[in-house]
Protein backbone atom coordinates (compact mmCIF):
# COMPACT_ATOMS: atom_id res chain seq x y z
CA UNK A 1 96.50 -99.65 -326.90
CA UNK A 2 98.20 -99.79 -323.51
CA UNK A 3 100.99 -97.27 -322.89
CA UNK A 4 104.49 -98.82 -322.57
CA UNK A 5 104.94 -96.59 -319.53
CA UNK A 6 101.89 -97.94 -317.66
CA UNK A 7 103.70 -100.86 -316.03
CA UNK A 8 106.63 -98.61 -315.14
CA UNK A 9 104.23 -96.18 -313.44
CA UNK A 10 102.57 -98.98 -311.48
CA UNK A 11 105.97 -100.31 -310.36
CA UNK A 12 107.12 -96.83 -309.31
CA UNK A 13 103.90 -96.25 -307.37
CA UNK A 14 104.29 -99.58 -305.57
CA UNK A 15 107.86 -98.68 -304.61
CA UNK A 16 106.82 -95.25 -303.32
CA UNK A 17 103.93 -96.70 -301.32
CA UNK A 18 106.18 -99.34 -299.78
CA UNK A 19 108.83 -96.74 -298.89
CA UNK A 20 106.24 -94.44 -297.35
CA UNK A 21 104.53 -97.14 -295.33
CA UNK A 22 101.56 -97.38 -297.71
CA UNK A 23 101.79 -101.13 -298.07
CA UNK A 24 100.21 -103.12 -295.27
CA UNK A 25 101.17 -106.72 -294.67
CA UNK A 26 99.77 -109.15 -292.18
CA UNK A 27 102.36 -110.24 -289.71
CA UNK A 28 103.10 -113.92 -289.52
CA UNK A 29 102.78 -115.36 -286.05
CA UNK A 30 106.17 -115.40 -284.32
CA UNK A 31 107.78 -118.82 -284.01
CA UNK A 32 109.68 -117.99 -280.87
CA UNK A 33 111.05 -114.77 -279.48
CA UNK A 34 114.37 -113.86 -281.13
CA UNK A 35 117.30 -112.64 -279.09
CA UNK A 36 117.57 -108.86 -278.81
CA UNK A 37 119.42 -107.32 -281.73
CA UNK A 38 122.47 -105.15 -281.05
CA UNK A 39 121.73 -101.42 -281.10
CA UNK A 40 123.65 -100.86 -284.36
CA UNK A 41 121.46 -103.42 -286.16
CA UNK A 42 118.18 -102.18 -284.69
CA UNK A 43 115.31 -101.34 -287.01
CA UNK A 44 114.94 -97.56 -287.46
CA UNK A 45 112.65 -95.92 -284.94
CA UNK A 46 109.50 -93.89 -285.64
CA UNK A 47 109.07 -92.57 -289.14
CA UNK A 48 112.72 -93.00 -290.19
CA UNK A 49 111.49 -95.60 -292.66
CA UNK A 50 110.25 -92.63 -294.73
CA UNK A 51 113.55 -90.75 -294.33
CA UNK A 52 115.71 -93.69 -295.34
CA UNK A 53 114.28 -93.61 -298.86
CA UNK A 54 116.60 -90.66 -299.50
CA UNK A 55 119.03 -90.62 -296.57
CA UNK A 56 119.48 -94.44 -296.62
CA UNK A 57 119.30 -96.95 -293.78
CA UNK A 58 122.93 -96.23 -292.87
CA UNK A 59 122.37 -92.45 -292.78
CA UNK A 60 124.96 -91.82 -295.50
CA UNK A 61 122.56 -90.31 -298.04
CA UNK A 62 123.10 -90.59 -301.79
CA UNK A 63 126.18 -88.86 -303.26
CA UNK A 64 125.31 -85.74 -305.26
CA UNK A 65 121.61 -86.18 -304.48
CA UNK A 66 120.68 -86.46 -300.79
CA UNK A 67 122.93 -85.34 -297.92
CA UNK A 68 124.11 -87.70 -295.20
CA UNK A 69 122.66 -87.57 -291.71
CA UNK A 70 125.56 -89.57 -290.29
CA UNK A 71 127.95 -87.04 -288.80
CA UNK A 72 125.87 -84.16 -290.14
CA UNK A 73 126.55 -80.90 -288.38
CA UNK A 74 122.96 -79.91 -289.16
CA UNK A 75 121.33 -83.06 -287.76
CA UNK A 76 123.47 -82.95 -284.61
CA UNK A 77 123.44 -79.19 -284.05
CA UNK A 78 120.77 -77.22 -282.20
CA UNK A 79 117.61 -79.37 -282.24
CA UNK A 80 115.33 -76.60 -283.49
CA UNK A 81 117.04 -76.63 -286.90
CA UNK A 82 116.33 -80.26 -287.87
CA UNK A 83 112.87 -79.91 -286.28
CA UNK A 84 112.11 -76.93 -288.56
CA UNK A 85 113.42 -78.84 -291.58
CA UNK A 86 111.22 -81.86 -290.86
CA UNK A 87 108.17 -79.69 -290.21
CA UNK A 88 108.40 -77.49 -293.31
CA UNK A 89 110.92 -79.04 -295.69
CA UNK A 90 114.07 -77.56 -297.20
CA UNK A 91 115.00 -76.48 -300.72
CA UNK A 92 118.02 -75.10 -302.48
CA UNK A 93 121.73 -75.29 -301.76
CA UNK A 94 122.90 -76.86 -298.51
CA UNK A 95 126.42 -77.90 -297.50
CA UNK A 96 127.08 -81.03 -295.42
CA UNK A 97 130.61 -82.40 -294.83
CA UNK A 98 131.92 -79.79 -297.26
CA UNK A 99 129.73 -81.03 -300.13
CA UNK A 100 126.96 -78.84 -301.53
CA UNK A 101 123.62 -80.44 -302.31
CA UNK A 102 120.94 -78.58 -304.24
CA UNK A 103 117.64 -80.36 -303.90
CA UNK A 104 114.39 -80.36 -302.03
CA UNK A 105 113.25 -82.22 -298.94
CA UNK A 106 109.53 -82.69 -298.43
CA UNK A 107 107.78 -81.30 -295.38
CA UNK A 108 106.67 -83.93 -292.86
CA UNK A 109 104.71 -81.65 -290.52
CA UNK A 110 101.70 -83.93 -290.75
CA UNK A 111 103.47 -86.31 -288.35
CA UNK A 112 102.82 -85.93 -284.64
CA UNK A 113 105.20 -84.13 -282.32
CA UNK A 114 105.96 -87.50 -280.67
CA UNK A 115 106.80 -89.15 -284.03
CA UNK A 116 109.04 -86.28 -285.13
CA UNK A 117 110.80 -86.24 -281.75
CA UNK A 118 111.38 -90.01 -281.86
CA UNK A 119 112.65 -89.89 -285.44
CA UNK A 120 115.05 -87.01 -284.80
CA UNK A 121 116.25 -88.65 -281.59
CA UNK A 122 117.00 -91.76 -283.65
CA UNK A 123 118.91 -89.68 -286.25
CA UNK A 124 120.82 -87.73 -283.57
CA UNK A 125 121.94 -90.93 -281.78
CA UNK A 126 122.69 -93.25 -284.73
CA UNK A 127 125.68 -93.84 -287.05
CA UNK A 128 128.13 -92.33 -284.58
CA UNK A 129 126.01 -89.24 -283.92
CA UNK A 130 125.88 -88.33 -280.23
CA UNK A 131 123.52 -85.35 -279.98
CA UNK A 132 120.90 -85.00 -277.24
CA UNK A 133 117.41 -86.44 -277.64
CA UNK A 134 114.59 -84.33 -279.05
CA UNK A 135 111.39 -84.03 -277.02
CA UNK A 136 107.82 -83.65 -278.23
CA UNK A 137 107.72 -80.37 -276.29
CA UNK A 138 110.65 -79.03 -278.38
CA UNK A 139 108.84 -80.04 -281.58
CA UNK A 140 105.63 -78.38 -280.36
CA UNK A 141 107.54 -75.17 -279.58
CA UNK A 142 109.12 -74.99 -283.06
CA UNK A 143 105.79 -75.93 -284.65
CA UNK A 144 104.14 -73.01 -282.80
CA UNK A 145 106.97 -70.57 -283.60
CA UNK A 146 106.82 -71.43 -287.32
CA UNK A 147 103.08 -72.04 -287.67
CA UNK A 148 102.67 -69.34 -290.33
CA UNK A 149 105.23 -70.96 -292.64
CA UNK A 150 103.71 -72.36 -295.85
CA UNK A 151 106.79 -73.04 -297.99
CA UNK A 152 109.99 -75.05 -297.56
CA UNK A 153 112.93 -73.29 -295.94
CA UNK A 154 116.03 -72.25 -297.81
CA UNK A 155 119.24 -72.64 -295.80
CA UNK A 156 119.69 -68.87 -295.79
CA UNK A 157 116.20 -68.33 -294.33
CA UNK A 158 116.59 -71.10 -291.80
CA UNK A 159 119.95 -69.86 -290.56
CA UNK A 160 118.37 -66.47 -289.76
CA UNK A 161 115.02 -67.72 -288.39
CA UNK A 162 113.86 -67.38 -284.79
CA UNK A 163 112.75 -70.91 -284.06
CA UNK A 164 112.02 -70.72 -280.34
């Protein structure tokens, strides 16, 4: 007898794979070149497609679940902090815009320094954010400084860490 949860599991797996870039589709040949889209409507850069599963395409997160990146003092503060979060993940209480979130963000250190730099540059310059770009060299420096880390950060640990 087939489990009633089997089709739910298959649907959930398909959604996760699509959100994480696991679904490959052949591109249809372009009819004619479209006009350039305005910056605000541009498709997210780099690996942000993975991030938007939780933080949403508009960067506003999900209330009581995932913090916003739009206007986030963490995302737009010193670049080594969001770099460290992306590399190793984050768990436990975190306050953004005066709201406390208590969850866990996965580590994405398997991505290249270039991809992480491009993604964080996108985050730091979108949705009204106006923080400086992140370079691959900055990512490499934080990666080297935190290379012994094997667990996600807590905010308390991260706020005291030497990341350069």
